[in-house]
Protein backbone atom coordinates (compact mmCIF):
# COMPACT_ATOMS: atom_id res chain seq x y z
CA MET A 1 14.60 -15.50 16.60
CA THR A 2 18.36 -15.27 16.90
CA ASN A 3 20.28 -12.52 18.66
CA ASP A 4 21.15 -11.15 15.21
CA VAL A 5 17.75 -9.47 14.95
CA LEU A 6 17.89 -7.59 18.26
CA PRO A 7 20.01 -4.57 17.14
CA PHE A 8 17.38 -3.71 14.50
CA LEU A 9 14.39 -3.76 16.85
CA ARG A 10 12.68 -0.77 18.43
CA CYS A 11 9.48 -0.21 20.39
CA PRO A 12 6.75 0.53 17.79
CA VAL A 13 5.38 3.33 19.99
CA SER A 14 8.39 5.08 21.57
CA LYS A 15 11.13 3.91 19.11
CA GLU A 16 13.33 2.97 22.10
CA PRO A 17 15.74 0.01 21.89
CA LEU A 18 14.25 -3.10 23.45
CA GLN A 19 15.56 -5.14 26.38
CA LEU A 20 15.41 -8.91 25.98
CA THR A 21 14.45 -11.48 28.60
CA VAL A 22 14.83 -15.06 27.36
CA ILE A 23 12.23 -17.58 28.53
CA ALA A 24 12.99 -20.60 26.36
CA THR A 25 15.43 -21.60 23.63
CA GLY A 26 15.42 -24.27 20.98
CA LYS A 27 17.22 -25.48 17.87
CA LYS A 28 16.60 -24.67 14.22
CA MET A 29 18.40 -25.69 11.03
CA TYR A 30 19.99 -22.87 9.03
CA ASN A 31 22.06 -23.53 5.90
CA GLY A 32 22.40 -27.17 6.90
CA GLN A 33 23.65 -26.40 10.41
CA GLU A 34 21.78 -26.47 13.71
CA LYS A 35 21.68 -23.16 15.56
CA GLU A 36 20.23 -22.14 18.90
CA ILE A 37 17.27 -19.78 18.69
CA ILE A 38 15.08 -17.95 21.20
CA THR A 39 11.65 -19.56 20.99
CA GLU A 40 10.02 -17.61 23.82
CA GLY A 41 10.91 -14.33 25.46
CA ILE A 42 9.88 -10.80 26.37
CA LEU A 43 11.05 -7.59 24.72
CA ARG A 44 10.54 -4.46 26.87
CA SER A 45 10.66 -0.72 26.46
CA SER A 46 9.93 1.84 29.18
CA ASP A 47 6.19 1.68 28.36
CA GLY A 48 5.45 -1.54 26.55
CA MET A 49 6.21 -5.22 26.39
CA TYR A 50 6.22 -7.48 23.39
CA PRO A 51 6.40 -11.27 23.41
CA ILE A 52 8.52 -13.64 21.40
CA ILE A 53 6.29 -16.60 20.57
CA GLY A 54 7.26 -19.49 18.31
CA GLY A 55 10.58 -17.79 17.62
CA VAL A 56 8.92 -14.62 16.23
CA PRO A 57 9.03 -11.22 17.99
CA ARG A 58 5.47 -9.84 18.12
CA LEU A 59 6.01 -6.11 17.78
CA THR A 60 2.63 -4.64 16.93
CA VAL A 61 1.30 -1.75 19.01
CA GLU A 62 -1.56 -3.98 20.20
CA ALA A 63 0.64 -6.97 21.15
CA CYS A 64 -0.21 -6.59 24.84
CA ILE A 65 -3.85 -7.28 23.94
CA ASP A 66 -3.41 -9.89 21.20
CA TYR A 67 -0.97 -11.92 23.32
CA SER A 68 -2.24 -11.10 26.81
CA ASP A 69 -2.52 -14.78 27.81
CA PHE A 70 1.17 -15.40 27.07
CA LEU A 71 2.27 -12.20 28.80
CA MET A 72 0.04 -12.88 31.82
CA LYS A 73 1.72 -16.25 32.21
CA HIS A 74 5.30 -14.96 32.03
CA VAL A 75 5.24 -11.41 33.45
CA LYS A 76 4.36 -11.05 37.12
CA ASP A 77 3.37 -7.39 36.93
CA PHE A 78 1.69 -7.68 33.53
CA VAL A 79 -1.72 -6.42 34.67
CA SER A 80 -0.39 -3.15 36.06
CA ILE A 81 1.93 -2.59 33.08
CA LYS A 82 -0.92 -3.27 30.67
CA GLN A 83 -3.24 -0.89 32.52
CA LYS A 84 -0.67 1.90 32.39
CA PHE A 85 -0.07 1.29 28.68
CA GLU A 86 -3.79 1.24 27.90
CA THR A 87 -4.34 4.44 29.85
CA LYS A 88 -1.45 6.30 28.28
CA TYR A 89 -2.17 5.14 24.71
CA ALA A 90 -5.94 4.62 24.83
CA GLY A 91 -6.62 6.46 21.58
CA LEU A 92 -3.74 4.80 19.75
CA LEU A 93 -4.84 1.32 20.80
CA LYS A 94 -8.42 1.97 19.74
CA PHE A 95 -7.17 3.18 16.36
CA VAL A 96 -4.84 0.24 15.60
CA LEU A 97 -7.27 -2.41 16.81
CA LYS A 98 -9.93 -1.12 14.42
CA LYS A 99 -7.47 -0.45 11.60
CA ASN A 100 -5.75 -3.83 11.69
CA LYS A 101 -8.49 -6.33 12.50
CA HIS A 102 -9.76 -7.06 8.99
CA THR A 103 -6.36 -6.86 7.30
CA LYS A 104 -4.81 -9.36 9.71
CA GLN A 105 -7.62 -11.81 9.07
CA SER A 106 -7.52 -11.29 5.31
CA PHE A 107 -3.81 -11.94 4.81
CA SER A 108 -3.68 -14.71 7.42
CA LEU A 109 -6.29 -16.56 5.37
CA GLU A 110 -4.62 -15.79 2.05
CA TRP A 111 -1.17 -17.08 2.97
CA GLY A 112 -2.57 -19.76 5.26
CA ILE A 113 -3.65 -21.82 2.24
CA PHE A 114 -0.26 -21.45 0.50
CA ASP A 115 1.61 -24.75 0.04
CA TYR A 116 5.36 -24.12 0.37
CA GLY A 117 6.22 -27.37 -1.37
CA ASN A 118 4.07 -27.01 -4.47
CA ASP A 119 2.81 -23.47 -5.03
CA LYS A 120 4.25 -20.55 -6.96
CA VAL A 121 3.89 -16.93 -5.83
CA TRP A 122 2.10 -14.74 -8.39
CA ASP A 123 2.82 -17.44 -10.98
CA ALA A 124 6.58 -17.27 -10.32
CA ASP A 125 8.96 -19.85 -8.84
CA ARG A 126 11.70 -18.82 -6.41
CA GLU A 127 14.26 -17.88 -9.05
CA GLN A 128 11.67 -15.89 -11.00
CA MET A 129 10.64 -14.11 -7.80
CA LEU A 130 14.24 -13.14 -7.14
CA GLN A 131 14.72 -11.90 -10.71
CA ARG A 132 11.55 -9.82 -10.37
CA PHE A 133 12.89 -8.28 -7.15
CA LEU A 134 16.23 -7.50 -8.81
CA SER A 135 14.45 -5.80 -11.70
CA GLU A 136 12.22 -3.82 -9.36
CA THR A 137 15.10 -2.57 -7.22
CA LYS A 138 17.69 -2.33 -10.04
CA GLU A 139 20.06 -4.57 -8.08
CA THR A 140 22.01 -7.70 -8.99
CA LYS A 141 22.78 -10.83 -7.02
CA THR A 142 26.30 -9.49 -6.56
CA SER A 143 25.22 -6.00 -5.47
CA LEU A 144 22.98 -7.47 -2.76
CA THR A 145 25.97 -8.95 -0.94
CA GLY A 146 26.43 -7.24 2.42
CA LYS A 147 23.32 -5.08 2.11
CA ILE A 148 20.77 -4.78 4.95
CA ILE A 149 17.21 -4.93 3.63
CA LEU A 150 13.76 -4.47 5.15
CA ASP A 151 10.92 -6.31 3.40
CA ALA A 152 7.87 -4.50 4.74
CA GLY A 153 5.01 -6.93 4.22
CA CYS A 154 6.87 -10.14 3.44
CA GLY A 155 3.83 -12.47 3.16
CA ASN A 156 5.00 -16.07 2.93
CA GLY A 157 8.70 -15.12 3.24
CA LEU A 158 9.96 -17.18 0.28
CA LEU A 159 11.54 -14.21 -1.48
CA ASN A 160 13.45 -13.37 1.70
CA GLN A 161 15.20 -16.72 1.63
CA SER A 162 16.38 -16.14 -1.95
CA ILE A 163 17.64 -12.64 -1.13
CA ALA A 164 19.51 -13.90 1.95
CA ALA A 165 21.14 -16.59 -0.20
CA CYS A 166 22.70 -13.75 -2.24
CA GLY A 167 24.60 -12.57 0.85
CA ALA A 168 22.21 -9.89 2.12
CA THR A 169 20.74 -9.63 5.59
CA ILE A 170 17.00 -9.22 5.17
CA LEU A 171 14.42 -8.52 7.84
CA GLY A 172 10.98 -9.71 6.78
CA MET A 173 8.06 -8.03 8.54
CA ASP A 174 4.38 -8.85 8.34
CA PHE A 175 1.57 -8.40 10.83
CA SER A 176 -0.64 -11.28 9.78
CA GLY A 177 -0.33 -14.86 10.99
CA SER A 178 1.63 -15.64 7.81
CA ILE A 179 4.80 -14.54 9.61
CA GLU A 180 4.73 -17.71 11.72
CA ARG A 181 4.91 -20.01 8.68
CA ALA A 182 7.48 -17.74 7.03
CA PHE A 183 9.76 -18.20 10.06
CA GLU A 184 9.11 -21.95 10.30
CA GLN A 185 9.88 -22.57 6.62
CA ASN A 186 13.00 -20.40 6.52
CA GLN A 187 16.41 -22.09 6.36
CA GLU A 188 18.59 -19.04 5.63
CA LEU A 189 20.47 -17.65 8.64
CA ASN A 190 20.43 -14.07 7.28
CA ALA A 191 16.67 -14.08 6.69
CA LEU A 192 15.09 -12.67 9.87
CA PHE A 193 11.39 -12.37 10.64
CA ILE A 194 9.26 -10.20 12.93
CA GLN A 195 5.60 -9.37 13.29
CA GLY A 196 5.02 -5.66 12.86
CA ASP A 197 2.78 -2.95 11.42
CA VAL A 198 4.04 -0.96 8.40
CA GLN A 199 2.53 2.22 9.88
CA PHE A 200 4.36 1.63 13.17
CA PRO A 201 7.56 -0.11 12.02
CA PRO A 202 9.30 -1.58 15.10
CA VAL A 203 12.78 -1.05 13.68
CA ALA A 204 15.56 1.51 13.89
CA PHE A 205 15.42 4.55 11.62
CA GLU A 206 18.11 4.92 8.92
CA ALA A 207 19.19 1.29 9.41
CA PHE A 208 18.53 -0.24 5.98
CA ASP A 209 20.24 0.00 2.60
CA ILE A 210 16.97 -0.96 0.90
CA VAL A 211 13.40 -0.77 2.17
CA HIS A 212 11.15 -2.72 -0.20
CA SER A 213 7.38 -2.96 0.12
CA SER A 214 5.61 -4.90 -2.61
CA GLY A 215 1.83 -4.64 -2.90
CA VAL A 216 1.45 -3.56 0.73
CA LEU A 217 1.00 0.21 0.87
CA ILE A 218 -2.07 -0.08 -1.33
CA CYS A 219 -3.72 -2.42 1.20
CA THR A 220 -3.50 0.09 4.07
CA ASN A 221 -5.90 2.89 4.95
CA ASN A 222 -3.66 5.49 3.27
CA SER A 223 -0.85 4.57 0.88
CA GLU A 224 1.15 7.78 1.14
CA LEU A 225 0.82 7.86 4.92
CA THR A 226 2.24 4.34 5.08
CA PHE A 227 5.04 5.37 2.73
CA SER A 228 5.90 8.24 5.09
CA CYS A 229 6.01 5.83 8.05
CA LEU A 230 8.42 3.44 6.32
CA GLU A 231 10.81 5.77 4.50
CA PRO A 232 12.61 7.00 7.70
CA CYS A 233 13.98 3.44 7.98
CA VAL A 234 16.10 4.01 4.84
CA LYS A 235 19.74 4.97 5.34
CA LYS A 236 20.99 8.20 3.77
CA GLY A 237 22.08 7.16 0.31
CA GLY A 238 19.86 4.09 0.58
CA LYS A 239 16.95 3.07 -1.59
CA MET A 240 13.18 3.02 -1.10
CA SER A 241 11.27 0.66 -3.40
CA VAL A 242 7.50 0.15 -3.58
CA TRP A 243 5.19 -1.81 -5.84
CA LEU A 244 1.72 -0.31 -6.35
CA TYR A 245 -1.43 -0.94 -8.35
CA HIS A 246 -2.22 1.56 -11.09
CA PRO A 247 -5.63 2.34 -12.64
CA ARG A 248 -6.72 0.44 -15.74
CA LYS A 249 -9.20 1.32 -18.45
CA ASN A 250 -10.74 -2.14 -18.45
CA PHE A 251 -14.41 -2.92 -17.85
CA ILE A 252 -13.92 -6.25 -16.03
CA HIS A 253 -11.12 -4.82 -13.88
CA ASN A 254 -13.23 -1.88 -12.76
CA LEU A 255 -16.32 -4.06 -12.31
CA PHE A 256 -14.34 -6.30 -9.94
CA ASN A 257 -13.15 -3.23 -8.03
CA PHE A 258 -16.77 -2.08 -7.75
CA LEU A 259 -17.90 -5.49 -6.47
CA ARG A 260 -15.11 -5.75 -3.90
CA ASN A 261 -16.26 -2.47 -2.36
CA TYR A 262 -19.17 -4.53 -1.05
CA THR A 263 -17.86 -8.10 -0.71
CA SER A 264 -14.70 -7.00 1.16
CA LYS A 265 -16.93 -5.91 4.04
CA PHE A 266 -18.13 -9.48 4.64
CA PRO A 267 -16.42 -11.61 7.30
CA VAL A 268 -13.30 -13.17 5.83
CA SER A 269 -14.59 -16.72 6.36
CA VAL A 270 -17.76 -15.86 4.42
CA GLN A 271 -15.72 -14.31 1.62
CA TYR A 272 -13.62 -17.46 1.26
CA TYR A 273 -16.62 -19.68 0.48
CA LEU A 274 -18.31 -16.99 -1.60
CA TYR A 275 -15.31 -16.74 -3.91
CA LYS A 276 -14.62 -20.48 -3.84
CA PHE A 277 -18.02 -21.29 -5.31
CA THR A 278 -18.40 -18.29 -7.65
CA LEU A 279 -15.17 -16.69 -8.87
CA LEU A 280 -12.85 -19.70 -8.56
CA PRO A 281 -14.71 -21.96 -11.07
CA ILE A 282 -14.90 -19.12 -13.59
CA SER A 283 -11.23 -18.23 -13.06
CA TYR A 284 -10.23 -21.89 -13.43
CA ILE A 285 -12.00 -22.30 -16.79
CA ILE A 286 -10.72 -19.02 -18.24
CA LYS A 287 -7.13 -19.60 -17.15
CA ARG A 288 -7.10 -23.16 -18.45
CA LEU A 289 -8.45 -21.97 -21.82
CA LYS A 290 -5.59 -19.46 -21.91
CA GLY A 291 -3.04 -22.17 -21.07
CA ASN A 292 -2.37 -20.96 -17.52
CA LYS A 293 -1.21 -23.88 -15.36
CA GLN A 294 -1.85 -22.36 -11.90
CA ASN A 295 -3.28 -24.85 -9.43
CA THR A 296 -6.53 -24.07 -7.60
CA ARG A 297 -4.75 -22.88 -4.42
CA GLU A 298 -2.72 -20.38 -6.41
CA MET A 299 -5.85 -19.17 -8.16
CA MET A 300 -7.65 -18.81 -4.84
CA ILE A 301 -4.76 -16.79 -3.39
CA ASP A 302 -4.97 -14.46 -6.41
CA ILE A 303 -8.71 -14.00 -5.86
CA LEU A 304 -8.36 -13.41 -2.12
CA ASP A 305 -5.55 -10.92 -2.71
CA TRP A 306 -7.83 -8.87 -4.94
CA PHE A 307 -11.15 -9.16 -3.14
CA SER A 308 -10.61 -9.75 0.56
CA PRO A 309 -8.40 -6.82 1.75
CA GLU A 310 -10.31 -3.95 3.29
CA PHE A 311 -8.38 -1.49 1.10
CA ARG A 312 -7.11 -1.74 -2.47
CA TRP A 313 -5.86 1.63 -3.74
CA GLU A 314 -4.62 2.40 -7.23
CA HIS A 315 -2.13 5.21 -7.97
CA GLU A 316 -0.79 7.01 -11.02
CA HIS A 317 2.96 6.88 -11.60
CA ASP A 318 3.42 10.64 -11.22
CA GLU A 319 1.47 10.62 -7.96
CA ALA A 320 3.80 8.01 -6.46
CA ALA A 321 6.86 9.87 -7.74
CA ALA A 322 5.64 12.95 -5.86
CA TRP A 323 5.78 10.97 -2.58
CA PHE A 324 9.51 10.53 -3.11
CA HIS A 325 10.21 14.09 -4.22
CA LYS A 326 8.33 15.60 -1.27
CA ARG A 327 10.68 13.69 1.02
CA ASN A 328 13.83 14.79 -0.75
CA TYR A 329 14.60 11.58 -2.66
CA GLN A 330 16.55 11.66 -5.90
CA LYS A 331 16.93 9.30 -8.89
CA VAL A 332 13.21 8.56 -8.71
CA GLU A 333 12.15 6.17 -11.47
CA VAL A 334 9.59 3.57 -12.42
CA THR A 335 11.66 0.38 -12.68
CA THR A 336 8.95 -2.06 -13.81
CA ASN A 337 5.57 -1.44 -15.41
CA GLU A 338 3.15 -4.37 -15.64
CA LEU A 339 -0.50 -5.03 -16.42
CA PHE A 340 -1.82 -4.43 -12.90
CA GLY A 341 0.88 -2.31 -11.32
CA PHE A 342 4.37 -0.85 -11.27
CA ASN A 343 7.45 -0.57 -9.09
CA ILE A 344 9.06 2.78 -8.32
CA THR A 345 12.31 3.52 -6.49
CA GLY A 346 14.19 6.51 -5.19
CA GLU A 347 17.49 7.24 -3.44
CA LYS A 348 17.50 9.06 -0.12
CA ARG A 349 19.63 12.20 -0.24
C-alpha cells in the first residue's frame, strides 16, 4: 500500500481511524515510475489490529485470527490484545467466521485460475469492461476525472486499473485471496486495494462519489442487508450503483439454480473437479457450436461463479429500487438490463 490509502481506512468494528506502524517498505512500478510502498505494517484502532501483508491492508473483522502468525511475530502484546478482542466481540467473531469461510474459498479459487495476460472478464476485454462500467453508472471517461470511487468486491482488479487511468481514485475491496493478485498486477497509482468485508466496510462513511458493487450483494447472506452496510459510504449527492441477478423464466437456468442448492455445499476443491469433468465439457461444446471463443479457464470461471458461491440471490427490479427509496435516494433507475441481471443506480439526497 501507499500512504494515499490511509485517509480512507477505518476499523471495520468501531469505525475509528487507524494508526499505522510501518514494518517494511519496498518498491513498486506505477505508471512507469518506481514508487516506495509499505509492504508490511500494522494498522491499529483502540480495540483491534490489522496487518499489512504483501502490500495489502487486511481489514476484515477476523483478521486477528486469519493472520495471527504474522501479528504474533510483529506485535509483542498480541496475545493479550487478541484475548481482549475475542472476549469483547465473541459473538461477532463467531458470526463472521461462519459467514465468510465458504465465500472466501469460493472466490479465491475462482479468481485464482484467472490468467491476467490472456483471459477476458465475463467475455469482455479491458476497454469493454470499462465501457460496461460507464454504462452501468451513467458516467463518461471525462466525468470520472477527480472522482473518488469504492469498488466493493473488485475480484481480479482489472477494471480498477482502467477506471484509475481515467483520472479517478478508486479503492478496490475484496475479502478473498484474489485481492493479493489484484494488487500485484496493478500498475495505476490511483488504483488502491484493501481486503475487507462488504458487510463491515473498513472505510470512512460519506467518503466516496460513487460506490459500485457488481455481482457481489447477491453472493452474501442477505442482499439488502449488504446494501444497507455499503450505502453509508456514499457522499451526499453521490451515487450508489449495484449489479444484481434477476429471475428468469428458463428451464435450464432454474434447473442449474436447483442443482447448485446442493453442489454449493460441497467443499470448494471437490466442486472444482466435479464441474471440470461434468459441466465444463458440455459448456465447451455448446459455446463452440454457438461461435463463442472463450478459453477453458474463462468458461471454468463462469461455471464457478454460478455454482460455487454459498449464496446466489435473484431480485426483481422494483424490489431493488425499493432499497434505494427506503434510504432516501433519488433519481433511481435501471441503467442496464441484460440476460442474467441488471444494474441500478441512485443518488444520495
